[in-house]
Amino acid sequence: MAVSCHPASTAKQLTTQLSAAFNVLPKQTWIDGFLTTQKLTTPFPSLLATAKVRFLNTDISPAFSIPARASSTTPPTASAANTTAKALPQDIHDAELAERRLAGPIALQVQDVQDISHSRWSQLEDVEAAERGETTKGREIIRVVPTERQTDGGGGDMASEGNATGAGAGGKSSSGTCKLLLQDAHGVQVWAVELRKVKGVRVGMNIGTKVDLHA
């Protein structure tokens, strides 16, 4: 097991800075593991910038230190009322509760995204059209035409116009209502639906994106 040679003050500073930036307390094991990969001569601002990127791209369970889950019907304690992110309540899946209000902030991770404003069939047609190099503009179908070098088997890239069209077809993102599968640091998963459009939430967004859920 690798041991960090960085002073304890560096680990403490990182913990404080990450907690202040994301309202989430990083696990000490994650901090120690991160520091073992960094040089002792790395300036702290660079170390912090790298830690922020790594922290947000790490799976939520081994990195985020989240307080034990409480029932949504239990009054919040003084420690639970602070700004540190919490987990989902224990009875989040209780179907007998007609309504529940979650006291945030709650740190969650996106596991899946679905477009529920379009049928599965229309989404499949979009995927197949993208594979054929097709996209639409109104009622007009635009096809990507290979360059002469590709036709001759040269194996070159698409023409610049073809590349733009292909990217538009293949990278098409949904503007409809999305349903997200979210997971907290304890592994509890729930489905969430957009009631109004949320910036950055779309089909094709990075799986593993972190969400800070507020009441």
C-alpha atoms as a PDB file:
ATOM      1  CA  MET A   1       0.000   0.000   0.000  1.00  0.00           C
ATOM      2  CA  ALA A   2       1.417   3.377  -1.095  1.00  0.00           C
ATOM      3  CA  VAL A   3       1.974   5.928   1.622  1.00  0.00           C
ATOM      4  CA  SER A   4       1.767   9.672   1.016  1.00  0.00           C
ATOM      5  CA  CYS A   5       4.919  11.644   1.823  1.00  0.00           C
ATOM      6  CA  HIS A   6       3.045  14.940   1.794  1.00  0.00           C
ATOM      7  CA  PRO A   7       2.751  16.717   5.154  1.00  0.00           C
ATOM      8  CA  ALA A   8      -0.488  16.292   7.092  1.00  0.00           C
ATOM      9  CA  SER A   9      -1.200  19.991   6.625  1.00  0.00           C
ATOM     10  CA  THR A  10      -1.483  19.469   2.854  1.00  0.00           C
ATOM     11  CA  ALA A  11      -4.110  16.764   3.306  1.00  0.00           C
ATOM     12  CA  LYS A  12      -5.996  18.978   5.742  1.00  0.00           C
ATOM     13  CA  GLN A  13      -5.894  21.922   3.324  1.00  0.00           C
ATOM     14  CA  LEU A  14      -7.175  19.761   0.467  1.00  0.00           C
ATOM     15  CA  THR A  15     -10.018  18.426   2.605  1.00  0.00           C
ATOM     16  CA  THR A  16     -11.016  21.948   3.635  1.00  0.00           C
ATOM     17  CA  GLN A  17     -10.848  23.368   0.110  1.00  0.00           C
ATOM     18  CA  LEU A  18     -12.768  20.493  -1.513  1.00  0.00           C
ATOM     19  CA  SER A  19     -15.414  20.600   1.195  1.00  0.00           C
ATOM     20  CA  ALA A  20     -15.856  24.350   0.715  1.00  0.00           C
ATOM     21  CA  ALA A  21     -16.016  24.051  -3.075  1.00  0.00           C
ATOM     22  CA  PHE A  22     -18.499  21.172  -3.330  1.00  0.00           C
ATOM     23  CA  ASN A  23     -20.264  21.052   0.070  1.00  0.00           C
ATOM     24  CA  VAL A  24     -19.019  17.462   0.336  1.00  0.00           C
ATOM     25  CA  LEU A  25     -16.452  16.089   2.758  1.00  0.00           C
ATOM     26  CA  PRO A  26     -13.941  13.874   0.894  1.00  0.00           C
ATOM     27  CA  LYS A  27     -12.979  10.585   2.491  1.00  0.00           C
ATOM     28  CA  GLN A  28      -9.534  10.529   4.082  1.00  0.00           C
ATOM     29  CA  THR A  29      -8.665   7.370   2.145  1.00  0.00           C
ATOM     30  CA  TRP A  30      -9.378   9.208  -1.110  1.00  0.00           C
ATOM     31  CA  ILE A  31      -7.208  12.171  -0.059  1.00  0.00           C
ATOM     32  CA  ASP A  32      -4.349   9.846   0.905  1.00  0.00           C
ATOM     33  CA  GLY A  33      -4.630   7.890  -2.340  1.00  0.00           C
ATOM     34  CA  PHE A  34      -4.654  11.074  -4.400  1.00  0.00           C
ATOM     35  CA  LEU A  35      -1.563  12.499  -2.678  1.00  0.00           C
ATOM     36  CA  THR A  36       0.438   9.327  -3.358  1.00  0.00           C
ATOM     37  CA  THR A  37       0.138  10.112  -7.087  1.00  0.00           C
ATOM     38  CA  GLN A  38       1.377  13.705  -6.752  1.00  0.00           C
ATOM     39  CA  LYS A  39       4.928  15.036  -6.532  1.00  0.00           C
ATOM     40  CA  LEU A  40       6.062  16.738  -3.352  1.00  0.00           C
ATOM     41  CA  THR A  41       7.240  19.724  -5.401  1.00  0.00           C
ATOM     42  CA  THR A  42       3.802  20.393  -6.919  1.00  0.00           C
ATOM     43  CA  PRO A  43       2.543  23.861  -5.884  1.00  0.00           C
ATOM     44  CA  PHE A  44      -0.620  23.744  -3.816  1.00  0.00           C
ATOM     45  CA  PRO A  45      -2.806  25.676  -6.341  1.00  0.00           C
ATOM     46  CA  SER A  46      -1.938  23.105  -9.021  1.00  0.00           C
ATOM     47  CA  LEU A  47      -2.489  20.284  -6.537  1.00  0.00           C
ATOM     48  CA  LEU A  48      -5.920  21.657  -5.641  1.00  0.00           C
ATOM     49  CA  ALA A  49      -6.953  22.118  -9.270  1.00  0.00           C
ATOM     50  CA  THR A  50      -6.005  18.519 -10.064  1.00  0.00           C
ATOM     51  CA  ALA A  51      -7.789  17.272  -6.937  1.00  0.00           C
ATOM     52  CA  LYS A  52     -11.014  19.042  -7.939  1.00  0.00           C
ATOM     53  CA  VAL A  53     -11.029  17.411 -11.371  1.00  0.00           C
ATOM     54  CA  ARG A  54     -10.167  13.971  -9.989  1.00  0.00           C
ATOM     55  CA  PHE A  55     -12.725  14.303  -7.182  1.00  0.00           C
ATOM     56  CA  LEU A  56     -15.603  15.084  -9.540  1.00  0.00           C
ATOM     57  CA  ASN A  57     -14.577  12.275 -11.911  1.00  0.00           C
ATOM     58  CA  THR A  58     -14.316   9.649  -9.164  1.00  0.00           C
ATOM     59  CA  ASP A  59     -17.166   7.290  -8.332  1.00  0.00           C
ATOM     60  CA  ILE A  60     -19.255   8.810  -5.548  1.00  0.00           C
ATOM     61  CA  SER A  61     -19.070   5.877  -3.112  1.00  0.00           C
ATOM     62  CA  PRO A  62     -15.297   5.651  -2.453  1.00  0.00           C
ATOM     63  CA  ALA A  63     -14.729   9.424  -2.574  1.00  0.00           C
ATOM     64  CA  PHE A  64     -17.624  11.156  -0.817  1.00  0.00           C
ATOM     65  CA  SER A  65     -17.946  11.000   2.962  1.00  0.00           C
ATOM     66  CA  ILE A  66     -21.688  11.290   3.531  1.00  0.00           C
ATOM     67  CA  PRO A  67     -23.417  11.120   6.969  1.00  0.00           C
ATOM     68  CA  ALA A  68     -25.527   8.068   7.742  1.00  0.00           C
ATOM     69  CA  ARG A  69     -28.952   8.116   6.139  1.00  0.00           C
ATOM     70  CA  ALA A  70     -31.907   9.202   8.237  1.00  0.00           C
ATOM     71  CA  SER A  71     -35.632   8.688   7.787  1.00  0.00           C
ATOM     72  CA  SER A  72     -37.388  11.519   6.003  1.00  0.00           C
ATOM     73  CA  THR A  73     -39.923  11.575   8.829  1.00  0.00           C
ATOM     74  CA  THR A  74     -37.241  12.057  11.487  1.00  0.00           C
ATOM     75  CA  PRO A  75     -36.627  15.694  12.521  1.00  0.00           C
ATOM     76  CA  PRO A  76     -33.157  16.839  11.374  1.00  0.00           C
ATOM     77  CA  THR A  77     -30.469  17.071  14.006  1.00  0.00           C
ATOM     78  CA  ALA A  78     -28.224  20.080  14.429  1.00  0.00           C
ATOM     79  CA  SER A  79     -25.417  18.348  12.513  1.00  0.00           C
ATOM     80  CA  ALA A  80     -27.790  17.380   9.710  1.00  0.00           C
ATOM     81  CA  ALA A  81     -28.973  20.957   9.304  1.00  0.00           C
ATOM     82  CA  ASN A  82     -25.602  22.292   8.151  1.00  0.00           C
ATOM     83  CA  THR A  83     -24.485  22.802   4.559  1.00  0.00           C
ATOM     84  CA  THR A  84     -22.617  19.503   4.264  1.00  0.00           C
ATOM     85  CA  ALA A  85     -24.189  17.239   1.658  1.00  0.00           C
ATOM     86  CA  LYS A  86     -26.257  14.352   2.938  1.00  0.00           C
ATOM     87  CA  ALA A  87     -27.588  11.112   1.495  1.00  0.00           C
ATOM     88  CA  LEU A  88     -31.108  10.111   0.507  1.00  0.00           C
ATOM     89  CA  PRO A  89     -33.466   9.215   3.397  1.00  0.00           C
ATOM     90  CA  GLN A  90     -33.829   5.573   4.372  1.00  0.00           C
ATOM     91  CA  ASP A  91     -37.498   5.443   3.358  1.00  0.00           C
ATOM     92  CA  ILE A  92     -37.050   7.061  -0.046  1.00  0.00           C
ATOM     93  CA  HIS A  93     -38.764   4.071  -1.711  1.00  0.00           C
ATOM     94  CA  ASP A  94     -41.733   3.931   0.694  1.00  0.00           C
ATOM     95  CA  ALA A  95     -44.744   3.985  -1.657  1.00  0.00           C
ATOM     96  CA  GLU A  96     -47.144   4.669   1.225  1.00  0.00           C
ATOM     97  CA  LEU A  97     -45.830   8.228   1.610  1.00  0.00           C
ATOM     98  CA  ALA A  98     -47.908  10.422  -0.696  1.00  0.00           C
ATOM     99  CA  GLU A  99     -45.393  13.257  -0.610  1.00  0.00           C
ATOM    100  CA  ARG A 100     -41.919  13.917   0.698  1.00  0.00           C
ATOM    101  CA  ARG A 101     -39.684  16.954   0.792  1.00  0.00           C
ATOM    102  CA  LEU A 102     -35.968  16.278   0.762  1.00  0.00           C
ATOM    103  CA  ALA A 103     -33.813  18.492   2.937  1.00  0.00           C
ATOM    104  CA  GLY A 104     -30.761  19.283   0.853  1.00  0.00           C
ATOM    105  CA  PRO A 105     -28.100  19.554  -0.066  1.00  0.00           C
ATOM    106  CA  ILE A 106     -27.881  15.940  -1.233  1.00  0.00           C
ATOM    107  CA  ALA A 107     -24.872  14.725  -3.231  1.00  0.00           C
ATOM    108  CA  LEU A 108     -25.900  12.409  -6.074  1.00  0.00           C
ATOM    109  CA  GLN A 109     -24.343  10.847  -9.141  1.00  0.00           C
ATOM    110  CA  VAL A 110     -26.004  10.423 -12.557  1.00  0.00           C
ATOM    111  CA  GLN A 111     -26.168   6.751 -13.544  1.00  0.00           C
ATOM    112  CA  ASP A 112     -28.508   6.943 -16.536  1.00  0.00           C
ATOM    113  CA  VAL A 113     -30.423   9.531 -18.605  1.00  0.00           C
ATOM    114  CA  GLN A 114     -33.532   8.900 -20.685  1.00  0.00           C
ATOM    115  CA  ASP A 115     -35.561  11.167 -22.946  1.00  0.00           C
ATOM    116  CA  ILE A 116     -39.216  10.604 -22.006  1.00  0.00           C
ATOM    117  CA  SER A 117     -40.641  13.226 -24.372  1.00  0.00           C
ATOM    118  CA  HIS A 118     -39.865  11.112 -27.446  1.00  0.00           C
ATOM    119  CA  SER A 119     -40.827   7.513 -28.119  1.00  0.00           C
ATOM    120  CA  ARG A 120     -38.210   4.788 -28.056  1.00  0.00           C
ATOM    121  CA  TRP A 121     -38.949   4.174 -31.737  1.00  0.00           C
ATOM    122  CA  SER A 122     -38.179   7.763 -32.752  1.00  0.00           C
ATOM    123  CA  GLN A 123     -34.982   7.685 -30.684  1.00  0.00           C
ATOM    124  CA  LEU A 124     -33.954   4.438 -32.427  1.00  0.00           C
ATOM    125  CA  GLU A 125     -34.609   6.056 -35.798  1.00  0.00           C
ATOM    126  CA  ASP A 126     -32.351   8.972 -34.794  1.00  0.00           C
ATOM    127  CA  VAL A 127     -29.554   6.556 -33.876  1.00  0.00           C
ATOM    128  CA  GLU A 128     -29.910   4.625 -37.138  1.00  0.00           C
ATOM    129  CA  ALA A 129     -29.946   7.873 -39.127  1.00  0.00           C
ATOM    130  CA  ALA A 130     -26.766   8.996 -37.390  1.00  0.00           C
ATOM    131  CA  GLU A 131     -25.104   5.689 -38.267  1.00  0.00           C
ATOM    132  CA  ARG A 132     -26.031   6.235 -41.919  1.00  0.00           C
ATOM    133  CA  GLY A 133     -24.577   9.753 -41.752  1.00  0.00           C
ATOM    134  CA  GLU A 134     -27.962  11.409 -42.058  1.00  0.00           C
ATOM    135  CA  THR A 135     -29.471  14.354 -40.260  1.00  0.00           C
ATOM    136  CA  THR A 136     -32.590  16.409 -40.831  1.00  0.00           C
ATOM    137  CA  LYS A 137     -33.293  20.092 -41.335  1.00  0.00           C
ATOM    138  CA  GLY A 138     -37.031  20.596 -41.216  1.00  0.00           C
ATOM    139  CA  ARG A 139     -38.395  18.088 -43.717  1.00  0.00           C
ATOM    140  CA  GLU A 140     -35.099  17.945 -45.607  1.00  0.00           C
ATOM    141  CA  ILE A 141     -32.802  14.947 -45.127  1.00  0.00           C
ATOM    142  CA  ILE A 142     -29.110  15.821 -45.320  1.00  0.00           C
ATOM    143  CA  ARG A 143     -26.687  13.003 -46.101  1.00  0.00           C
ATOM    144  CA  VAL A 144     -22.944  13.021 -45.509  1.00  0.00           C
ATOM    145  CA  VAL A 145     -21.170  12.352 -48.816  1.00  0.00           C
ATOM    146  CA  PRO A 146     -17.737  10.666 -48.566  1.00  0.00           C
ATOM    147  CA  THR A 147     -14.820  12.452 -50.165  1.00  0.00           C
ATOM    148  CA  GLU A 148     -13.248  11.207 -53.363  1.00  0.00           C
ATOM    149  CA  ARG A 149     -10.299   9.826 -51.398  1.00  0.00           C
ATOM    150  CA  GLN A 150     -12.648   7.726 -49.255  1.00  0.00           C
ATOM    151  CA  THR A 151     -14.480   6.445 -52.327  1.00  0.00           C
ATOM    152  CA  ASP A 152     -11.142   5.316 -53.748  1.00  0.00           C
ATOM    153  CA  GLY A 153     -10.347   3.492 -50.522  1.00  0.00           C
ATOM    154  CA  GLY A 154      -7.817   6.056 -49.368  1.00  0.00           C
ATOM    155  CA  GLY A 155      -9.202   5.918 -45.841  1.00  0.00           C
ATOM    156  CA  GLY A 156      -9.040   9.685 -45.350  1.00  0.00           C
ATOM    157  CA  ASP A 157     -11.256  11.816 -43.193  1.00  0.00           C
ATOM    158  CA  MET A 158     -14.652  13.121 -44.217  1.00  0.00           C
ATOM    159  CA  ALA A 159     -14.757  16.526 -45.842  1.00  0.00           C
ATOM    160  CA  SER A 160     -15.045  19.413 -43.434  1.00  0.00           C
ATOM    161  CA  GLU A 161     -18.742  19.914 -44.302  1.00  0.00           C
ATOM    162  CA  GLY A 162     -19.345  16.222 -43.905  1.00  0.00           C
ATOM    163  CA  ASN A 163     -17.648  16.225 -40.535  1.00  0.00           C
ATOM    164  CA  ALA A 164     -19.872  19.021 -39.296  1.00  0.00           C
ATOM    165  CA  THR A 165     -23.002  17.252 -40.480  1.00  0.00           C
ATOM    166  CA  GLY A 166     -21.886  13.936 -39.045  1.00  0.00           C
ATOM    167  CA  ALA A 167     -21.147  15.487 -35.675  1.00  0.00           C
ATOM    168  CA  GLY A 168     -24.547  17.107 -35.673  1.00  0.00           C
ATOM    169  CA  ALA A 169     -26.240  13.774 -36.337  1.00  0.00           C
ATOM    170  CA  GLY A 170     -24.138  11.606 -34.082  1.00  0.00           C
ATOM    171  CA  GLY A 171     -23.884  14.124 -31.263  1.00  0.00           C
ATOM    172  CA  LYS A 172     -27.540  15.143 -31.370  1.00  0.00           C
ATOM    173  CA  SER A 173     -28.704  15.959 -27.881  1.00  0.00           C
ATOM    174  CA  SER A 174     -32.296  15.828 -26.758  1.00  0.00           C
ATOM    175  CA  SER A 175     -34.075  19.034 -25.819  1.00  0.00           C
ATOM    176  CA  GLY A 176     -37.021  17.169 -24.354  1.00  0.00           C
ATOM    177  CA  THR A 177     -37.866  16.208 -20.796  1.00  0.00           C
ATOM    178  CA  CYS A 178     -35.308  13.868 -19.231  1.00  0.00           C
ATOM    179  CA  LYS A 179     -35.575  11.192 -16.579  1.00  0.00           C
ATOM    180  CA  LEU A 180     -32.402  10.534 -14.585  1.00  0.00           C
ATOM    181  CA  LEU A 181     -31.282   7.601 -12.486  1.00  0.00           C
ATOM    182  CA  LEU A 182     -29.451   9.102  -9.491  1.00  0.00           C
ATOM    183  CA  GLN A 183     -27.341   7.356  -6.844  1.00  0.00           C
ATOM    184  CA  ASP A 184     -26.095   8.587  -3.486  1.00  0.00           C
ATOM    185  CA  ALA A 185     -22.841   7.676  -1.730  1.00  0.00           C
ATOM    186  CA  HIS A 186     -24.514   4.707   0.010  1.00  0.00           C
ATOM    187  CA  GLY A 187     -25.530   3.122  -3.303  1.00  0.00           C
ATOM    188  CA  VAL A 188     -29.243   3.999  -3.045  1.00  0.00           C
ATOM    189  CA  GLN A 189     -30.742   4.757  -6.450  1.00  0.00           C
ATOM    190  CA  VAL A 190     -33.846   6.778  -7.368  1.00  0.00           C
ATOM    191  CA  TRP A 191     -35.403   8.079 -10.567  1.00  0.00           C
ATOM    192  CA  ALA A 192     -35.849  11.838 -10.981  1.00  0.00           C
ATOM    193  CA  VAL A 193     -37.814  13.718 -13.650  1.00  0.00           C
ATOM    194  CA  GLU A 194     -37.239  17.274 -14.873  1.00  0.00           C
ATOM    195  CA  LEU A 195     -40.188  19.518 -14.018  1.00  0.00           C
ATOM    196  CA  ARG A 196     -38.459  22.368 -15.801  1.00  0.00           C
ATOM    197  CA  LYS A 197     -35.401  22.357 -18.022  1.00  0.00           C
ATOM    198  CA  VAL A 198     -32.128  22.055 -16.090  1.00  0.00           C
ATOM    199  CA  LYS A 199     -28.996  23.389 -17.748  1.00  0.00           C
ATOM    200  CA  GLY A 200     -26.601  20.603 -18.677  1.00  0.00           C
ATOM    201  CA  VAL A 201     -29.134  17.777 -18.271  1.00  0.00           C
ATOM    202  CA  ARG A 202     -29.565  16.020 -21.611  1.00  0.00           C
ATOM    203  CA  VAL A 203     -29.286  12.658 -23.296  1.00  0.00           C
ATOM    204  CA  GLY A 204     -25.590  12.191 -23.987  1.00  0.00           C
ATOM    205  CA  MET A 205     -24.388  13.917 -20.833  1.00  0.00           C
ATOM    206  CA  ASN A 206     -21.482  12.233 -19.061  1.00  0.00           C
ATOM    207  CA  ILE A 207     -22.524   9.319 -16.883  1.00  0.00           C
ATOM    208  CA  GLY A 208     -21.031   9.888 -13.439  1.00  0.00           C
ATOM    209  CA  THR A 209     -21.824  13.608 -13.428  1.00  0.00           C
ATOM    210  CA  LYS A 210     -22.327  14.832  -9.858  1.00  0.00           C
ATOM    211  CA  VAL A 211     -25.531  16.608  -8.822  1.00  0.00           C
ATOM    212  CA  ASP A 212     -25.968  18.827  -5.771  1.00  0.00           C
ATOM    213  CA  LEU A 213     -29.678  18.540  -4.965  1.00  0.00           C
ATOM    214  CA  HIS A 214     -31.203  21.411  -2.995  1.00  0.00           C
ATOM    215  CA  ALA A 215     -34.693  21.736  -1.540  1.00  0.00           C
END
